Amino acid sequence: VPHARFLTKQWYQRRVRAPLPVDPAPPQRVLDYLDSLYDSQQFKELSYSLKRYEDLNNAELLWRRARAHWEILELEGKRGKTTELQTAVDLIDRAIDLDPSNSNAHRWKAILSNALTSTMGMRYQF
């Protein structure tokens, strides 16, 4: 009998490479509200609002979470924190896994990957 940790959803998805289950998108009005918070540069409020949806596997929410994470790092001057940037990159990777055709997720993947590799040095940038 395998250990309980082998029965978790994350372990199964890593081992079997099964696609992540996609949760339904929140209503468009919620996405519009989140975008309005971003446009008005209320990044902490945006991050707080997105925490409500952190358990959902939805590409639209995941790339917005990564974008908010990046903006808060910029705002606080913590751009060089590799571990915090890696969390944002992990969110973007999940978004791309869920919806490979999402152009916003790919755009933020490029932005965050560039920021992450610039903290690691020249060897990782090519």
N, C-alpha and C. Protein backbone atom coordinates (compact mmCIF):
# COMPACT_ATOMS: atom_id res chain seq x y z
N VAL A 1 0.86 -1.18 0.00
CA VAL A 1 0.00 0.00 0.00
C VAL A 1 0.90 1.24 0.00
N PRO A 2 0.72 2.11 -0.98
CA PRO A 2 1.56 3.31 -1.03
C PRO A 2 1.24 4.26 0.11
N HIS A 3 2.22 5.08 0.42
CA HIS A 3 2.01 6.07 1.46
C HIS A 3 0.97 7.08 1.01
N ALA A 4 0.39 7.77 1.97
CA ALA A 4 -0.68 8.73 1.67
C ALA A 4 -0.18 9.88 0.80
N ARG A 5 1.13 10.23 0.92
CA ARG A 5 1.62 11.34 0.13
C ARG A 5 1.64 11.02 -1.36
N PHE A 6 1.65 9.74 -1.70
CA PHE A 6 1.65 9.36 -3.10
C PHE A 6 0.25 9.44 -3.71
N LEU A 7 -0.75 9.62 -2.87
CA LEU A 7 -2.11 9.66 -3.36
C LEU A 7 -2.62 11.08 -3.56
N THR A 8 -1.76 12.06 -3.35
CA THR A 8 -2.21 13.43 -3.53
C THR A 8 -2.35 13.77 -5.00
N LYS A 9 -3.14 14.78 -5.27
CA LYS A 9 -3.39 15.21 -6.65
C LYS A 9 -2.11 15.70 -7.32
N GLN A 10 -1.28 16.44 -6.57
CA GLN A 10 -0.05 16.96 -7.15
C GLN A 10 0.91 15.84 -7.53
N TRP A 11 1.04 14.85 -6.66
CA TRP A 11 1.94 13.74 -6.96
C TRP A 11 1.47 13.01 -8.21
N TYR A 12 0.19 12.75 -8.30
CA TYR A 12 -0.36 12.04 -9.44
C TYR A 12 -0.11 12.81 -10.73
N GLN A 13 -0.33 14.12 -10.69
CA GLN A 13 -0.14 14.91 -11.89
C GLN A 13 1.32 14.98 -12.31
N ARG A 14 2.23 15.02 -11.32
CA ARG A 14 3.65 15.04 -11.67
C ARG A 14 4.10 13.71 -12.24
N ARG A 15 3.64 12.62 -11.68
CA ARG A 15 4.09 11.29 -12.09
C ARG A 15 3.42 10.82 -13.38
N VAL A 16 2.15 11.06 -13.50
CA VAL A 16 1.40 10.53 -14.63
C VAL A 16 1.31 11.55 -15.76
N ARG A 17 1.62 12.81 -15.47
CA ARG A 17 1.51 13.88 -16.45
C ARG A 17 0.08 14.05 -16.94
N ALA A 18 -0.84 13.81 -16.04
CA ALA A 18 -2.25 13.99 -16.37
C ALA A 18 -2.55 15.49 -16.44
N PRO A 19 -3.45 15.87 -17.31
CA PRO A 19 -3.78 17.29 -17.38
C PRO A 19 -4.45 17.76 -16.11
N LEU A 20 -4.20 19.00 -15.76
CA LEU A 20 -4.84 19.56 -14.58
C LEU A 20 -6.32 19.76 -14.85
N PRO A 21 -7.14 19.48 -13.87
CA PRO A 21 -8.56 19.76 -14.07
C PRO A 21 -8.78 21.27 -14.12
N VAL A 22 -9.53 21.72 -15.10
CA VAL A 22 -9.77 23.15 -15.27
C VAL A 22 -11.06 23.53 -14.56
N ASP A 23 -10.95 24.50 -13.68
CA ASP A 23 -12.13 25.00 -12.99
C ASP A 23 -12.81 26.04 -13.87
N PRO A 24 -14.09 26.21 -13.69
CA PRO A 24 -14.77 27.22 -14.50
C PRO A 24 -14.27 28.62 -14.19
N ALA A 25 -14.30 29.46 -15.18
CA ALA A 25 -13.85 30.84 -14.99
C ALA A 25 -14.86 31.61 -14.16
N PRO A 26 -14.37 32.56 -13.39
CA PRO A 26 -15.31 33.41 -12.67
C PRO A 26 -16.07 34.28 -13.67
N PRO A 27 -17.16 34.88 -13.26
CA PRO A 27 -17.92 35.73 -14.18
C PRO A 27 -17.06 36.87 -14.73
N GLN A 28 -17.41 37.35 -15.90
CA GLN A 28 -16.64 38.41 -16.55
C GLN A 28 -16.58 39.67 -15.69
N ARG A 29 -17.61 39.91 -14.92
CA ARG A 29 -17.60 41.11 -14.07
C ARG A 29 -16.50 41.03 -13.01
N VAL A 30 -16.19 39.82 -12.55
CA VAL A 30 -15.10 39.66 -11.58
C VAL A 30 -13.76 39.96 -12.25
N LEU A 31 -13.57 39.44 -13.47
CA LEU A 31 -12.33 39.71 -14.19
C LEU A 31 -12.20 41.20 -14.51
N ASP A 32 -13.31 41.84 -14.85
CA ASP A 32 -13.29 43.28 -15.12
C ASP A 32 -12.92 44.06 -13.86
N TYR A 33 -13.45 43.62 -12.72
CA TYR A 33 -13.12 44.28 -11.46
C TYR A 33 -11.63 44.12 -11.14
N LEU A 34 -11.09 42.91 -11.34
CA LEU A 34 -9.67 42.68 -11.08
C LEU A 34 -8.80 43.52 -12.01
N ASP A 35 -9.21 43.63 -13.26
CA ASP A 35 -8.45 44.45 -14.21
C ASP A 35 -8.53 45.93 -13.86
N SER A 36 -9.67 46.36 -13.34
CA SER A 36 -9.79 47.77 -12.94
C SER A 36 -8.88 48.07 -11.74
N LEU A 37 -8.73 47.11 -10.83
CA LEU A 37 -7.79 47.29 -9.72
C LEU A 37 -6.36 47.41 -10.23
N TYR A 38 -6.04 46.60 -11.22
CA TYR A 38 -4.69 46.66 -11.80
C TYR A 38 -4.48 48.01 -12.51
N ASP A 39 -5.46 48.45 -13.27
CA ASP A 39 -5.33 49.70 -14.00
C ASP A 39 -5.19 50.90 -13.06
N SER A 40 -5.83 50.82 -11.91
CA SER A 40 -5.72 51.92 -10.94
C SER A 40 -4.53 51.71 -9.99
N GLN A 41 -3.70 50.73 -10.27
CA GLN A 41 -2.47 50.43 -9.53
C GLN A 41 -2.72 50.15 -8.04
N GLN A 42 -3.80 49.47 -7.75
CA GLN A 42 -4.09 49.03 -6.39
C GLN A 42 -3.67 47.57 -6.26
N PHE A 43 -2.38 47.34 -6.28
CA PHE A 43 -1.84 45.98 -6.39
C PHE A 43 -2.08 45.15 -5.13
N LYS A 44 -1.99 45.77 -3.97
CA LYS A 44 -2.22 45.00 -2.74
C LYS A 44 -3.68 44.57 -2.64
N GLU A 45 -4.58 45.47 -3.00
CA GLU A 45 -6.01 45.12 -3.01
C GLU A 45 -6.27 44.03 -4.05
N LEU A 46 -5.60 44.12 -5.18
CA LEU A 46 -5.74 43.11 -6.23
C LEU A 46 -5.27 41.75 -5.72
N SER A 47 -4.13 41.73 -5.07
CA SER A 47 -3.61 40.48 -4.53
C SER A 47 -4.56 39.90 -3.47
N TYR A 48 -5.10 40.78 -2.64
CA TYR A 48 -6.04 40.34 -1.62
C TYR A 48 -7.30 39.76 -2.27
N SER A 49 -7.80 40.41 -3.32
CA SER A 49 -8.99 39.92 -4.01
C SER A 49 -8.74 38.59 -4.70
N LEU A 50 -7.53 38.41 -5.22
CA LEU A 50 -7.21 37.16 -5.92
C LEU A 50 -7.02 35.99 -4.97
N LYS A 51 -6.71 36.26 -3.71
CA LYS A 51 -6.54 35.16 -2.74
C LYS A 51 -7.83 34.36 -2.58
N ARG A 52 -8.96 34.99 -2.82
CA ARG A 52 -10.23 34.30 -2.73
C ARG A 52 -10.31 33.15 -3.74
N TYR A 53 -9.60 33.30 -4.84
CA TYR A 53 -9.66 32.30 -5.91
C TYR A 53 -8.40 31.46 -6.02
N GLU A 54 -7.55 31.44 -5.00
CA GLU A 54 -6.26 30.78 -5.14
C GLU A 54 -6.36 29.26 -5.28
N ASP A 55 -7.47 28.66 -4.91
CA ASP A 55 -7.60 27.22 -5.06
C ASP A 55 -8.13 26.80 -6.42
N LEU A 56 -8.54 27.76 -7.23
CA LEU A 56 -9.07 27.43 -8.55
C LEU A 56 -7.96 27.24 -9.57
N ASN A 57 -8.12 26.25 -10.42
CA ASN A 57 -7.20 26.04 -11.53
C ASN A 57 -7.82 26.69 -12.76
N ASN A 58 -7.58 27.97 -12.90
CA ASN A 58 -8.11 28.72 -14.02
C ASN A 58 -7.01 29.62 -14.55
N ALA A 59 -6.72 29.53 -15.84
CA ALA A 59 -5.60 30.25 -16.44
C ALA A 59 -5.77 31.76 -16.31
N GLU A 60 -6.99 32.25 -16.47
CA GLU A 60 -7.23 33.69 -16.40
C GLU A 60 -6.89 34.24 -15.01
N LEU A 61 -7.22 33.49 -13.98
CA LEU A 61 -6.91 33.93 -12.63
C LEU A 61 -5.43 33.75 -12.29
N LEU A 62 -4.84 32.67 -12.79
CA LEU A 62 -3.44 32.40 -12.45
C LEU A 62 -2.50 33.45 -13.03
N TRP A 63 -2.70 33.84 -14.30
CA TRP A 63 -1.78 34.84 -14.83
C TRP A 63 -2.01 36.19 -14.18
N ARG A 64 -3.22 36.48 -13.76
CA ARG A 64 -3.46 37.73 -13.04
C ARG A 64 -2.80 37.71 -11.67
N ARG A 65 -2.80 36.54 -11.01
CA ARG A 65 -2.11 36.42 -9.72
C ARG A 65 -0.62 36.62 -9.88
N ALA A 66 -0.04 36.03 -10.93
CA ALA A 66 1.40 36.20 -11.16
C ALA A 66 1.74 37.65 -11.47
N ARG A 67 0.90 38.31 -12.25
CA ARG A 67 1.11 39.72 -12.59
C ARG A 67 1.04 40.58 -11.33
N ALA A 68 0.08 40.32 -10.46
CA ALA A 68 -0.04 41.08 -9.22
C ALA A 68 1.17 40.83 -8.32
N HIS A 69 1.63 39.59 -8.29
CA HIS A 69 2.81 39.25 -7.49
C HIS A 69 4.02 40.04 -7.98
N TRP A 70 4.19 40.09 -9.29
CA TRP A 70 5.30 40.82 -9.89
C TRP A 70 5.21 42.31 -9.56
N GLU A 71 4.04 42.90 -9.69
CA GLU A 71 3.89 44.33 -9.43
C GLU A 71 4.16 44.66 -7.97
N ILE A 72 3.76 43.79 -7.06
CA ILE A 72 4.04 44.02 -5.64
C ILE A 72 5.54 43.94 -5.38
N LEU A 73 6.22 42.99 -6.03
CA LEU A 73 7.68 42.91 -5.88
C LEU A 73 8.34 44.17 -6.40
N GLU A 74 7.86 44.70 -7.52
CA GLU A 74 8.39 45.94 -8.08
C GLU A 74 8.13 47.11 -7.13
N LEU A 75 6.94 47.16 -6.58
CA LEU A 75 6.54 48.24 -5.70
C LEU A 75 7.38 48.26 -4.42
N GLU A 76 7.66 47.07 -3.90
CA GLU A 76 8.43 46.97 -2.66
C GLU A 76 9.93 46.96 -2.90
N GLY A 77 10.35 46.99 -4.15
CA GLY A 77 11.77 47.01 -4.45
C GLY A 77 12.45 45.67 -4.21
N LYS A 78 11.70 44.59 -4.27
CA LYS A 78 12.26 43.26 -4.03
C LYS A 78 12.46 42.51 -5.34
N ARG A 79 12.82 43.21 -6.37
CA ARG A 79 12.92 42.60 -7.68
C ARG A 79 13.97 41.48 -7.73
N GLY A 80 14.97 41.55 -6.90
CA GLY A 80 16.03 40.57 -6.94
C GLY A 80 15.77 39.31 -6.12
N LYS A 81 14.63 39.17 -5.52
CA LYS A 81 14.33 38.00 -4.70
C LYS A 81 13.98 36.81 -5.60
N THR A 82 14.90 35.91 -5.74
CA THR A 82 14.74 34.78 -6.66
C THR A 82 13.58 33.88 -6.25
N THR A 83 13.44 33.59 -4.98
CA THR A 83 12.38 32.67 -4.55
C THR A 83 10.99 33.26 -4.79
N GLU A 84 10.86 34.56 -4.57
CA GLU A 84 9.55 35.19 -4.79
C GLU A 84 9.23 35.28 -6.27
N LEU A 85 10.25 35.52 -7.10
CA LEU A 85 10.03 35.51 -8.54
C LEU A 85 9.67 34.11 -9.02
N GLN A 86 10.28 33.11 -8.42
CA GLN A 86 10.01 31.74 -8.81
C GLN A 86 8.55 31.36 -8.53
N THR A 87 7.99 31.91 -7.45
CA THR A 87 6.56 31.63 -7.18
C THR A 87 5.69 32.19 -8.30
N ALA A 88 6.00 33.38 -8.76
CA ALA A 88 5.23 33.97 -9.86
C ALA A 88 5.40 33.16 -11.15
N VAL A 89 6.61 32.68 -11.41
CA VAL A 89 6.86 31.86 -12.60
C VAL A 89 6.09 30.54 -12.50
N ASP A 90 6.02 29.97 -11.31
CA ASP A 90 5.26 28.73 -11.13
C ASP A 90 3.77 28.94 -11.41
N LEU A 91 3.24 30.08 -10.98
CA LEU A 91 1.84 30.40 -11.28
C LEU A 91 1.61 30.51 -12.79
N ILE A 92 2.54 31.16 -13.47
CA ILE A 92 2.43 31.31 -14.92
C ILE A 92 2.54 29.96 -15.61
N ASP A 93 3.43 29.12 -15.14
CA ASP A 93 3.56 27.78 -15.74
C ASP A 93 2.26 26.99 -15.61
N ARG A 94 1.61 27.10 -14.45
CA ARG A 94 0.32 26.43 -14.28
C ARG A 94 -0.72 26.99 -15.23
N ALA A 95 -0.71 28.31 -15.42
CA ALA A 95 -1.67 28.94 -16.34
C ALA A 95 -1.45 28.45 -17.76
N ILE A 96 -0.21 28.33 -18.18
CA ILE A 96 0.09 27.88 -19.54
C ILE A 96 -0.25 26.41 -19.70
N ASP A 97 -0.03 25.62 -18.66
CA ASP A 97 -0.43 24.20 -18.72
C ASP A 97 -1.94 24.06 -18.89
N LEU A 98 -2.68 24.93 -18.24
CA LEU A 98 -4.14 24.86 -18.32
C LEU A 98 -4.68 25.37 -19.66
N ASP A 99 -4.06 26.44 -20.16
CA ASP A 99 -4.54 27.04 -21.42
C ASP A 99 -3.34 27.49 -22.25
N PRO A 100 -2.79 26.60 -23.08
CA PRO A 100 -1.61 26.95 -23.87
C PRO A 100 -1.84 28.07 -24.89
N SER A 101 -3.08 28.40 -25.19
CA SER A 101 -3.34 29.44 -26.17
C SER A 101 -3.57 30.81 -25.53
N ASN A 102 -3.38 30.93 -24.24
CA ASN A 102 -3.60 32.20 -23.55
C ASN A 102 -2.40 33.12 -23.77
N SER A 103 -2.59 34.15 -24.57
CA SER A 103 -1.48 35.04 -24.93
C SER A 103 -0.99 35.87 -23.74
N ASN A 104 -1.89 36.24 -22.84
CA ASN A 104 -1.47 37.01 -21.66
C ASN A 104 -0.55 36.19 -20.77
N ALA A 105 -0.84 34.92 -20.63
CA ALA A 105 0.02 34.05 -19.82
C ALA A 105 1.41 33.94 -20.44
N HIS A 106 1.48 33.82 -21.76
CA HIS A 106 2.78 33.74 -22.43
C HIS A 106 3.55 35.05 -22.31
N ARG A 107 2.84 36.17 -22.39
CA ARG A 107 3.49 37.47 -22.25
C ARG A 107 4.13 37.60 -20.87
N TRP A 108 3.36 37.25 -19.84
CA TRP A 108 3.90 37.37 -18.49
C TRP A 108 4.93 36.31 -18.17
N LYS A 109 4.87 35.18 -18.86
CA LYS A 109 5.93 34.17 -18.72
C LYS A 109 7.26 34.75 -19.20
N ALA A 110 7.23 35.46 -20.32
CA ALA A 110 8.45 36.07 -20.84
C ALA A 110 8.97 37.14 -19.89
N ILE A 111 8.09 37.98 -19.39
CA ILE A 111 8.50 39.06 -18.47
C ILE A 111 9.10 38.48 -17.20
N LEU A 112 8.42 37.51 -16.62
CA LEU A 112 8.89 36.94 -15.35
C LEU A 112 10.14 36.08 -15.52
N SER A 113 10.22 35.36 -16.63
CA SER A 113 11.42 34.55 -16.88
C SER A 113 12.63 35.44 -17.07
N ASN A 114 12.46 36.55 -17.75
CA ASN A 114 13.56 37.49 -17.93
C ASN A 114 14.01 38.05 -16.58
N ALA A 115 13.06 38.43 -15.74
CA ALA A 115 13.39 38.96 -14.42
C ALA A 115 14.09 37.91 -13.56
N LEU A 116 13.62 36.68 -13.65
CA LEU A 116 14.21 35.61 -12.85
C LEU A 116 15.63 35.30 -13.30
N THR A 117 15.84 35.17 -14.60
CA THR A 117 17.18 34.83 -15.06
C THR A 117 18.15 36.00 -14.90
N SER A 118 17.65 37.23 -14.90
CA SER A 118 18.56 38.36 -14.69
C SER A 118 19.08 38.39 -13.27
N THR A 119 18.37 37.79 -12.33
CA THR A 119 18.89 37.71 -10.96
C THR A 119 19.89 36.57 -10.81
N MET A 120 19.87 35.62 -11.75
CA MET A 120 20.74 34.45 -11.64
C MET A 120 22.09 34.62 -12.33
N GLY A 121 22.21 35.57 -13.21
CA GLY A 121 23.47 35.78 -13.89
C GLY A 121 23.39 35.43 -15.36
N MET A 122 24.47 35.73 -16.07
CA MET A 122 24.51 35.59 -17.53
C MET A 122 24.38 34.13 -18.00
N ARG A 123 24.86 33.21 -17.22
CA ARG A 123 24.85 31.80 -17.65
C ARG A 123 23.43 31.30 -17.91
N TYR A 124 22.45 31.81 -17.20
CA TYR A 124 21.08 31.33 -17.33
C TYR A 124 20.26 32.11 -18.35
N GLN A 125 20.82 33.17 -18.91
CA GLN A 125 20.04 34.02 -19.79
C GLN A 125 20.00 33.55 -21.23
N PHE A 126 20.77 32.54 -21.58
CA PHE A 126 20.78 32.09 -22.97
C PHE A 126 20.28 30.69 -23.12
